Amino acid sequence: MWSVWTLPPDGRAARLWPKRWRTLISRTWEASLEEQDLQKQIHRSLMGLGVRHRIVLIRRFGMDGQEEETLSAVSKELGVSREQVRQLQEGALDLLRQHTELR
């Protein structure tokens, strides 16, 4: 009898797994690929924005491994008011919406 730690040498391991495990692994793999594709699309869209718009979105929404930041934190870093950061954020989101509508 084969255990989890010792698999049959003839490659029958996948057939020994219950069908629901194989299905779960397949769905997880597909979801991972879809997430990677979505991240690539987001990255491409962000690269189409100006530097300030891009920085505001990345910092405000915690993208690229960044933590989400408040309007105050972003405004201090950019040297502008919180209201200007809010306006940059709204402007960037509007540009992204227009970009996706054109597709």
C-alpha atoms as a PDB file:
ATOM      1  CA  MET A   1       0.000   0.000   0.000  1.00  0.00           C
ATOM      2  CA  TRP A   2       1.235   3.476  -0.847  1.00  0.00           C
ATOM      3  CA  SER A   3       1.219   6.285   1.676  1.00  0.00           C
ATOM      4  CA  VAL A   4       1.226  10.025   1.126  1.00  0.00           C
ATOM      5  CA  TRP A   5       4.992   9.992   1.535  1.00  0.00           C
ATOM      6  CA  THR A   6       5.742   7.111  -0.810  1.00  0.00           C
ATOM      7  CA  LEU A   7       4.113   7.362  -4.214  1.00  0.00           C
ATOM      8  CA  PRO A   8       4.071   4.534  -6.735  1.00  0.00           C
ATOM      9  CA  PRO A   9       7.097   4.693  -9.021  1.00  0.00           C
ATOM     10  CA  ASP A  10       5.093   4.188 -12.232  1.00  0.00           C
ATOM     11  CA  GLY A  11       3.454   7.621 -12.270  1.00  0.00           C
ATOM     12  CA  ARG A  12       0.046   6.516 -10.985  1.00  0.00           C
ATOM     13  CA  ALA A  13       0.053   9.202  -8.264  1.00  0.00           C
ATOM     14  CA  ALA A  14      -2.474  11.496  -9.934  1.00  0.00           C
ATOM     15  CA  ARG A  15      -4.883   8.615 -10.561  1.00  0.00           C
ATOM     16  CA  LEU A  16      -4.733   7.619  -6.892  1.00  0.00           C
ATOM     17  CA  TRP A  17      -5.927  11.045  -5.745  1.00  0.00           C
ATOM     18  CA  PRO A  18      -9.668  11.343  -5.300  1.00  0.00           C
ATOM     19  CA  LYS A  19     -11.396  13.104  -8.166  1.00  0.00           C
ATOM     20  CA  ARG A  20     -12.442  16.026  -5.938  1.00  0.00           C
ATOM     21  CA  TRP A  21      -8.789  16.703  -5.061  1.00  0.00           C
ATOM     22  CA  ARG A  22      -7.802  16.727  -8.712  1.00  0.00           C
ATOM     23  CA  THR A  23     -10.718  19.071  -9.466  1.00  0.00           C
ATOM     24  CA  LEU A  24      -9.771  21.389  -6.597  1.00  0.00           C
ATOM     25  CA  ILE A  25      -6.138  21.524  -7.717  1.00  0.00           C
ATOM     26  CA  SER A  26      -7.219  22.218 -11.305  1.00  0.00           C
ATOM     27  CA  ARG A  27      -9.560  25.024 -10.231  1.00  0.00           C
ATOM     28  CA  THR A  28      -6.911  26.516  -7.956  1.00  0.00           C
ATOM     29  CA  TRP A  29      -4.409  26.453 -10.816  1.00  0.00           C
ATOM     30  CA  GLU A  30      -6.892  28.112 -13.187  1.00  0.00           C
ATOM     31  CA  ALA A  31      -7.730  30.785 -10.599  1.00  0.00           C
ATOM     32  CA  SER A  32      -4.029  31.457 -10.124  1.00  0.00           C
ATOM     33  CA  LEU A  33      -3.536  31.909 -13.859  1.00  0.00           C
ATOM     34  CA  GLU A  34      -6.556  34.215 -14.063  1.00  0.00           C
ATOM     35  CA  GLU A  35      -5.211  36.285 -11.169  1.00  0.00           C
ATOM     36  CA  GLN A  36      -1.813  36.572 -12.852  1.00  0.00           C
ATOM     37  CA  ASP A  37      -3.500  37.689 -16.070  1.00  0.00           C
ATOM     38  CA  LEU A  38      -5.532  40.291 -14.182  1.00  0.00           C
ATOM     39  CA  GLN A  39      -2.399  41.584 -12.450  1.00  0.00           C
ATOM     40  CA  LYS A  40      -0.686  41.957 -15.835  1.00  0.00           C
ATOM     41  CA  GLN A  41      -3.671  43.878 -17.194  1.00  0.00           C
ATOM     42  CA  ILE A  42      -3.682  46.178 -14.164  1.00  0.00           C
ATOM     43  CA  HIS A  43       0.055  46.756 -14.504  1.00  0.00           C
ATOM     44  CA  ARG A  44      -0.309  47.630 -18.212  1.00  0.00           C
ATOM     45  CA  SER A  45      -3.147  50.029 -17.413  1.00  0.00           C
ATOM     46  CA  LEU A  46      -1.161  51.698 -14.631  1.00  0.00           C
ATOM     47  CA  MET A  47       1.815  52.154 -16.932  1.00  0.00           C
ATOM     48  CA  GLY A  48      -0.456  54.158 -19.246  1.00  0.00           C
ATOM     49  CA  LEU A  49      -1.030  56.737 -16.499  1.00  0.00           C
ATOM     50  CA  GLY A  50       1.157  59.662 -15.559  1.00  0.00           C
ATOM     51  CA  VAL A  51       3.656  59.192 -12.740  1.00  0.00           C
ATOM     52  CA  ARG A  52       1.644  61.069 -10.093  1.00  0.00           C
ATOM     53  CA  HIS A  53      -1.592  59.258 -10.935  1.00  0.00           C
ATOM     54  CA  ARG A  54       0.226  55.923 -10.831  1.00  0.00           C
ATOM     55  CA  ILE A  55       1.933  56.669  -7.502  1.00  0.00           C
ATOM     56  CA  VAL A  56      -1.343  57.745  -5.899  1.00  0.00           C
ATOM     57  CA  LEU A  57      -3.197  54.598  -6.973  1.00  0.00           C
ATOM     58  CA  ILE A  58      -0.385  52.255  -5.964  1.00  0.00           C
ATOM     59  CA  ARG A  59      -0.077  53.846  -2.531  1.00  0.00           C
ATOM     60  CA  ARG A  60      -3.774  54.366  -1.842  1.00  0.00           C
ATOM     61  CA  PHE A  61      -4.836  50.838  -2.852  1.00  0.00           C
ATOM     62  CA  GLY A  62      -1.732  48.965  -1.687  1.00  0.00           C
ATOM     63  CA  MET A  63      -0.487  47.606  -5.007  1.00  0.00           C
ATOM     64  CA  ASP A  64       2.952  46.211  -5.899  1.00  0.00           C
ATOM     65  CA  GLY A  65       3.520  44.930  -2.376  1.00  0.00           C
ATOM     66  CA  GLN A  66       2.800  48.318  -0.808  1.00  0.00           C
ATOM     67  CA  GLU A  67       0.542  48.765   2.208  1.00  0.00           C
ATOM     68  CA  GLU A  68      -2.604  50.829   1.717  1.00  0.00           C
ATOM     69  CA  GLU A  69      -1.922  54.418   2.751  1.00  0.00           C
ATOM     70  CA  THR A  70      -4.173  57.255   3.854  1.00  0.00           C
ATOM     71  CA  LEU A  71      -4.683  60.474   1.938  1.00  0.00           C
ATOM     72  CA  SER A  72      -2.554  62.205   4.595  1.00  0.00           C
ATOM     73  CA  ALA A  73       0.385  59.828   4.207  1.00  0.00           C
ATOM     74  CA  VAL A  74       0.387  60.124   0.417  1.00  0.00           C
ATOM     75  CA  SER A  75      -0.029  63.908   0.565  1.00  0.00           C
ATOM     76  CA  LYS A  76       3.009  64.244   2.850  1.00  0.00           C
ATOM     77  CA  GLU A  77       5.144  62.126   0.534  1.00  0.00           C
ATOM     78  CA  LEU A  78       4.092  64.044  -2.592  1.00  0.00           C
ATOM     79  CA  GLY A  79       4.125  67.436  -0.890  1.00  0.00           C
ATOM     80  CA  VAL A  80       0.534  68.262  -1.824  1.00  0.00           C
ATOM     81  CA  SER A  81      -2.747  68.595   0.090  1.00  0.00           C
ATOM     82  CA  ARG A  82      -5.038  65.658   0.883  1.00  0.00           C
ATOM     83  CA  GLU A  83      -7.603  67.198  -1.450  1.00  0.00           C
ATOM     84  CA  GLN A  84      -5.093  67.205  -4.305  1.00  0.00           C
ATOM     85  CA  VAL A  85      -4.332  63.527  -3.628  1.00  0.00           C
ATOM     86  CA  ARG A  86      -8.070  62.775  -3.667  1.00  0.00           C
ATOM     87  CA  GLN A  87      -8.405  64.624  -6.980  1.00  0.00           C
ATOM     88  CA  LEU A  88      -5.428  62.753  -8.453  1.00  0.00           C
ATOM     89  CA  GLN A  89      -6.967  59.473  -7.320  1.00  0.00           C
ATOM     90  CA  GLU A  90     -10.341  60.285  -8.870  1.00  0.00           C
ATOM     91  CA  GLY A  91      -8.666  61.488 -12.059  1.00  0.00           C
ATOM     92  CA  ALA A  92      -6.605  58.300 -12.323  1.00  0.00           C
ATOM     93  CA  LEU A  93      -9.674  56.124 -11.787  1.00  0.00           C
ATOM     94  CA  ASP A  94     -11.555  58.102 -14.446  1.00  0.00           C
ATOM     95  CA  LEU A  95      -8.689  57.582 -16.902  1.00  0.00           C
ATOM     96  CA  LEU A  96      -8.677  53.846 -16.185  1.00  0.00           C
ATOM     97  CA  ARG A  97     -12.444  53.672 -16.710  1.00  0.00           C
ATOM     98  CA  GLN A  98     -12.104  55.473 -20.063  1.00  0.00           C
ATOM     99  CA  HIS A  99      -9.283  53.116 -21.041  1.00  0.00           C
ATOM    100  CA  THR A 100     -11.374  50.034 -20.309  1.00  0.00           C
ATOM    101  CA  GLU A 101     -14.414  51.447 -22.130  1.00  0.00           C
ATOM    102  CA  LEU A 102     -12.340  51.903 -25.298  1.00  0.00           C
ATOM    103  CA  ARG A 103     -11.437  48.206 -25.382  1.00  0.00           C
END
